[in-house]
Amino acid sequence: EGRASMSLDLNVLRSQVARIVPNNHLKVMPLWEYANDFVKAFYLPEDDLCKWVAEHPGYSFSQYHNVALLGAGVNMRTKRREKFLQRIESVFKGGEFARNRRAFTAAVEAKIDEFVMDR
């Protein structure tokens, strides 16, 4: 219920901002997808969350840890949850994650540059 509420809150916030901000200024908030992806991650099962961590390198380790703990790991027994959290950590420290992080950083910098040039 709380996760659904987060998703609803995000959608309501976006629609309200869209009502008061002219369309040409909505580029001010280029990272809606970033927040929306984070909320959606809470719904992912264990294996999908590990893939998500590798494919979405824009968050801190503590954010991944908390999504795993409060999302897929919320109903796991202690030993299974600890192994799951270790998997999340190994994905975070893995080579694919580092490559994706570099690509993510470049994409964010490009969006910022685009926004600055439009102003």
C-alpha atoms as a PDB file:
ATOM      1  CA  GLU A   1       0.000   0.000   0.000  1.00  0.00           C
ATOM      2  CA  GLY A   2       2.819   2.424   0.858  1.00  0.00           C
ATOM      3  CA  ARG A   3       4.633   1.708  -2.406  1.00  0.00           C
ATOM      4  CA  ALA A   4       1.494   2.357  -4.407  1.00  0.00           C
ATOM      5  CA  SER A   5       1.084   5.596  -2.495  1.00  0.00           C
ATOM      6  CA  MET A   6       4.634   6.670  -3.447  1.00  0.00           C
ATOM      7  CA  SER A   7       3.862   6.072  -7.107  1.00  0.00           C
ATOM      8  CA  LEU A   8       0.597   7.968  -6.851  1.00  0.00           C
ATOM      9  CA  ASP A   9       2.297  10.845  -5.017  1.00  0.00           C
ATOM     10  CA  LEU A  10       4.897  11.121  -7.764  1.00  0.00           C
ATOM     11  CA  ASN A  11       2.233  11.168 -10.494  1.00  0.00           C
ATOM     12  CA  VAL A  12       0.162  13.775  -8.653  1.00  0.00           C
ATOM     13  CA  LEU A  13       3.225  15.950  -8.119  1.00  0.00           C
ATOM     14  CA  ARG A  14       4.139  15.763 -11.798  1.00  0.00           C
ATOM     15  CA  SER A  15       0.603  16.628 -12.942  1.00  0.00           C
ATOM     16  CA  GLN A  16       0.380  19.568 -10.534  1.00  0.00           C
ATOM     17  CA  VAL A  17       3.749  20.920 -11.621  1.00  0.00           C
ATOM     18  CA  ALA A  18       2.692  20.547 -15.263  1.00  0.00           C
ATOM     19  CA  ARG A  19      -0.389  22.655 -14.526  1.00  0.00           C
ATOM     20  CA  ILE A  20       1.573  25.580 -13.107  1.00  0.00           C
ATOM     21  CA  VAL A  21       4.756  25.411 -15.190  1.00  0.00           C
ATOM     22  CA  PRO A  22       4.607  26.228 -18.898  1.00  0.00           C
ATOM     23  CA  ASN A  23       5.379  23.241 -21.148  1.00  0.00           C
ATOM     24  CA  ASN A  24       8.587  24.751 -22.445  1.00  0.00           C
ATOM     25  CA  HIS A  25       9.928  24.944 -18.878  1.00  0.00           C
ATOM     26  CA  LEU A  26       9.258  21.310 -17.951  1.00  0.00           C
ATOM     27  CA  LYS A  27      12.853  20.535 -18.937  1.00  0.00           C
ATOM     28  CA  VAL A  28      13.728  21.986 -15.536  1.00  0.00           C
ATOM     29  CA  MET A  29      12.773  18.595 -14.145  1.00  0.00           C
ATOM     30  CA  PRO A  30      14.667  16.222 -16.452  1.00  0.00           C
ATOM     31  CA  LEU A  31      14.959  13.420 -13.944  1.00  0.00           C
ATOM     32  CA  TRP A  32      11.328  12.412 -13.427  1.00  0.00           C
ATOM     33  CA  GLU A  33      12.242   9.018 -14.845  1.00  0.00           C
ATOM     34  CA  TYR A  34      14.970   8.730 -12.225  1.00  0.00           C
ATOM     35  CA  ALA A  35      12.473   9.128  -9.391  1.00  0.00           C
ATOM     36  CA  ASN A  36       9.828   7.012 -11.093  1.00  0.00           C
ATOM     37  CA  ASP A  37      12.298   4.167 -11.719  1.00  0.00           C
ATOM     38  CA  PHE A  38      13.271   4.237  -8.057  1.00  0.00           C
ATOM     39  CA  VAL A  39       9.651   3.899  -6.936  1.00  0.00           C
ATOM     40  CA  LYS A  40       9.028   1.091  -9.439  1.00  0.00           C
ATOM     41  CA  ALA A  41      12.050  -0.809  -8.096  1.00  0.00           C
ATOM     42  CA  PHE A  42      10.179  -1.470  -4.859  1.00  0.00           C
ATOM     43  CA  TYR A  43       7.806  -3.733  -6.823  1.00  0.00           C
ATOM     44  CA  LEU A  44      10.494  -5.875  -8.471  1.00  0.00           C
ATOM     45  CA  PRO A  45      11.135  -9.487  -7.436  1.00  0.00           C
ATOM     46  CA  GLU A  46      14.578 -10.564  -6.257  1.00  0.00           C
ATOM     47  CA  ASP A  47      16.206 -11.475  -9.598  1.00  0.00           C
ATOM     48  CA  ASP A  48      14.732  -8.507 -11.429  1.00  0.00           C
ATOM     49  CA  LEU A  49      15.954  -6.141  -8.725  1.00  0.00           C
ATOM     50  CA  CYS A  50      19.523  -7.403  -9.159  1.00  0.00           C
ATOM     51  CA  LYS A  51      19.259  -6.680 -12.897  1.00  0.00           C
ATOM     52  CA  TRP A  52      17.730  -3.282 -12.124  1.00  0.00           C
ATOM     53  CA  VAL A  53      20.675  -2.357  -9.887  1.00  0.00           C
ATOM     54  CA  ALA A  54      23.111  -3.140 -12.718  1.00  0.00           C
ATOM     55  CA  GLU A  55      21.045  -1.199 -15.253  1.00  0.00           C
ATOM     56  CA  HIS A  56      20.268   1.871 -13.087  1.00  0.00           C
ATOM     57  CA  PRO A  57      23.571   3.115 -11.694  1.00  0.00           C
ATOM     58  CA  GLY A  58      22.425   6.561 -10.606  1.00  0.00           C
ATOM     59  CA  TYR A  59      21.729   5.780  -6.960  1.00  0.00           C
ATOM     60  CA  SER A  60      23.896   5.317  -3.872  1.00  0.00           C
ATOM     61  CA  PHE A  61      24.585   1.910  -2.371  1.00  0.00           C
ATOM     62  CA  SER A  62      22.409   2.740   0.635  1.00  0.00           C
ATOM     63  CA  GLN A  63      19.494   3.471  -1.706  1.00  0.00           C
ATOM     64  CA  TYR A  64      19.915   0.093  -3.429  1.00  0.00           C
ATOM     65  CA  HIS A  65      20.238  -1.586  -0.055  1.00  0.00           C
ATOM     66  CA  ASN A  66      17.047   0.008   1.232  1.00  0.00           C
ATOM     67  CA  VAL A  67      15.074  -0.825  -1.919  1.00  0.00           C
ATOM     68  CA  ALA A  68      16.201  -4.442  -1.584  1.00  0.00           C
ATOM     69  CA  LEU A  69      15.472  -4.528   2.123  1.00  0.00           C
ATOM     70  CA  LEU A  70      12.061  -2.868   1.975  1.00  0.00           C
ATOM     71  CA  GLY A  71      11.027  -4.117  -1.462  1.00  0.00           C
ATOM     72  CA  ALA A  72      11.829  -7.685  -2.507  1.00  0.00           C
ATOM     73  CA  GLY A  73      13.464  -8.578   0.810  1.00  0.00           C
ATOM     74  CA  VAL A  74      10.687  -7.409   3.106  1.00  0.00           C
ATOM     75  CA  ASN A  75       9.123 -10.862   3.595  1.00  0.00           C
ATOM     76  CA  MET A  76      12.324 -12.927   3.438  1.00  0.00           C
ATOM     77  CA  ARG A  77      13.709 -14.824   6.372  1.00  0.00           C
ATOM     78  CA  THR A  78      16.905 -13.407   7.846  1.00  0.00           C
ATOM     79  CA  LYS A  79      19.471 -15.694   6.165  1.00  0.00           C
ATOM     80  CA  ARG A  80      17.869 -15.439   2.745  1.00  0.00           C
ATOM     81  CA  ARG A  81      17.591 -11.650   3.075  1.00  0.00           C
ATOM     82  CA  GLU A  82      21.282 -11.410   4.050  1.00  0.00           C
ATOM     83  CA  LYS A  83      22.282 -13.452   0.979  1.00  0.00           C
ATOM     84  CA  PHE A  84      20.055 -11.277  -1.186  1.00  0.00           C
ATOM     85  CA  LEU A  85      21.642  -8.102   0.176  1.00  0.00           C
ATOM     86  CA  GLN A  86      25.073  -9.609  -0.517  1.00  0.00           C
ATOM     87  CA  ARG A  87      23.982 -10.198  -4.127  1.00  0.00           C
ATOM     88  CA  ILE A  88      22.920  -6.555  -4.393  1.00  0.00           C
ATOM     89  CA  GLU A  89      26.310  -5.484  -3.036  1.00  0.00           C
ATOM     90  CA  SER A  90      28.199  -7.727  -5.471  1.00  0.00           C
ATOM     91  CA  VAL A  91      26.211  -6.293  -8.388  1.00  0.00           C
ATOM     92  CA  PHE A  92      26.970  -2.786  -7.104  1.00  0.00           C
ATOM     93  CA  LYS A  93      30.690  -3.549  -6.996  1.00  0.00           C
ATOM     94  CA  GLY A  94      30.694  -5.403 -10.345  1.00  0.00           C
ATOM     95  CA  GLY A  95      32.201  -4.296 -13.649  1.00  0.00           C
ATOM     96  CA  GLU A  96      28.904  -4.010 -15.537  1.00  0.00           C
ATOM     97  CA  PHE A  97      27.651  -1.582 -12.915  1.00  0.00           C
ATOM     98  CA  ALA A  98      30.766   0.603 -13.301  1.00  0.00           C
ATOM     99  CA  ARG A  99      30.330   0.741 -17.101  1.00  0.00           C
ATOM    100  CA  ASN A 100      26.667   1.646 -16.710  1.00  0.00           C
ATOM    101  CA  ARG A 101      27.520   4.303 -14.118  1.00  0.00           C
ATOM    102  CA  ARG A 102      29.909   6.009 -16.532  1.00  0.00           C
ATOM    103  CA  ALA A 103      27.236   5.984 -19.251  1.00  0.00           C
ATOM    104  CA  PHE A 104      24.617   7.310 -16.809  1.00  0.00           C
ATOM    105  CA  THR A 105      26.909  10.121 -15.675  1.00  0.00           C
ATOM    106  CA  ALA A 106      27.569  11.140 -19.279  1.00  0.00           C
ATOM    107  CA  ALA A 107      23.818  11.134 -20.046  1.00  0.00           C
ATOM    108  CA  VAL A 108      23.023  13.287 -17.013  1.00  0.00           C
ATOM    109  CA  GLU A 109      25.768  15.740 -17.902  1.00  0.00           C
ATOM    110  CA  ALA A 110      24.367  15.944 -21.448  1.00  0.00           C
ATOM    111  CA  LYS A 111      20.868  16.686 -20.094  1.00  0.00           C
ATOM    112  CA  ILE A 112      22.257  19.409 -17.844  1.00  0.00           C
ATOM    113  CA  ASP A 113      24.209  20.919 -20.738  1.00  0.00           C
ATOM    114  CA  GLU A 114      21.065  20.819 -22.912  1.00  0.00           C
ATOM    115  CA  PHE A 115      19.061  22.565 -20.201  1.00  0.00           C
ATOM    116  CA  VAL A 116      21.705  25.248 -19.716  1.00  0.00           C
ATOM    117  CA  MET A 117      21.920  25.864 -23.462  1.00  0.00           C
ATOM    118  CA  ASP A 118      18.112  26.244 -23.701  1.00  0.00           C
ATOM    119  CA  ARG A 119      18.069  29.004 -21.090  1.00  0.00           C
END
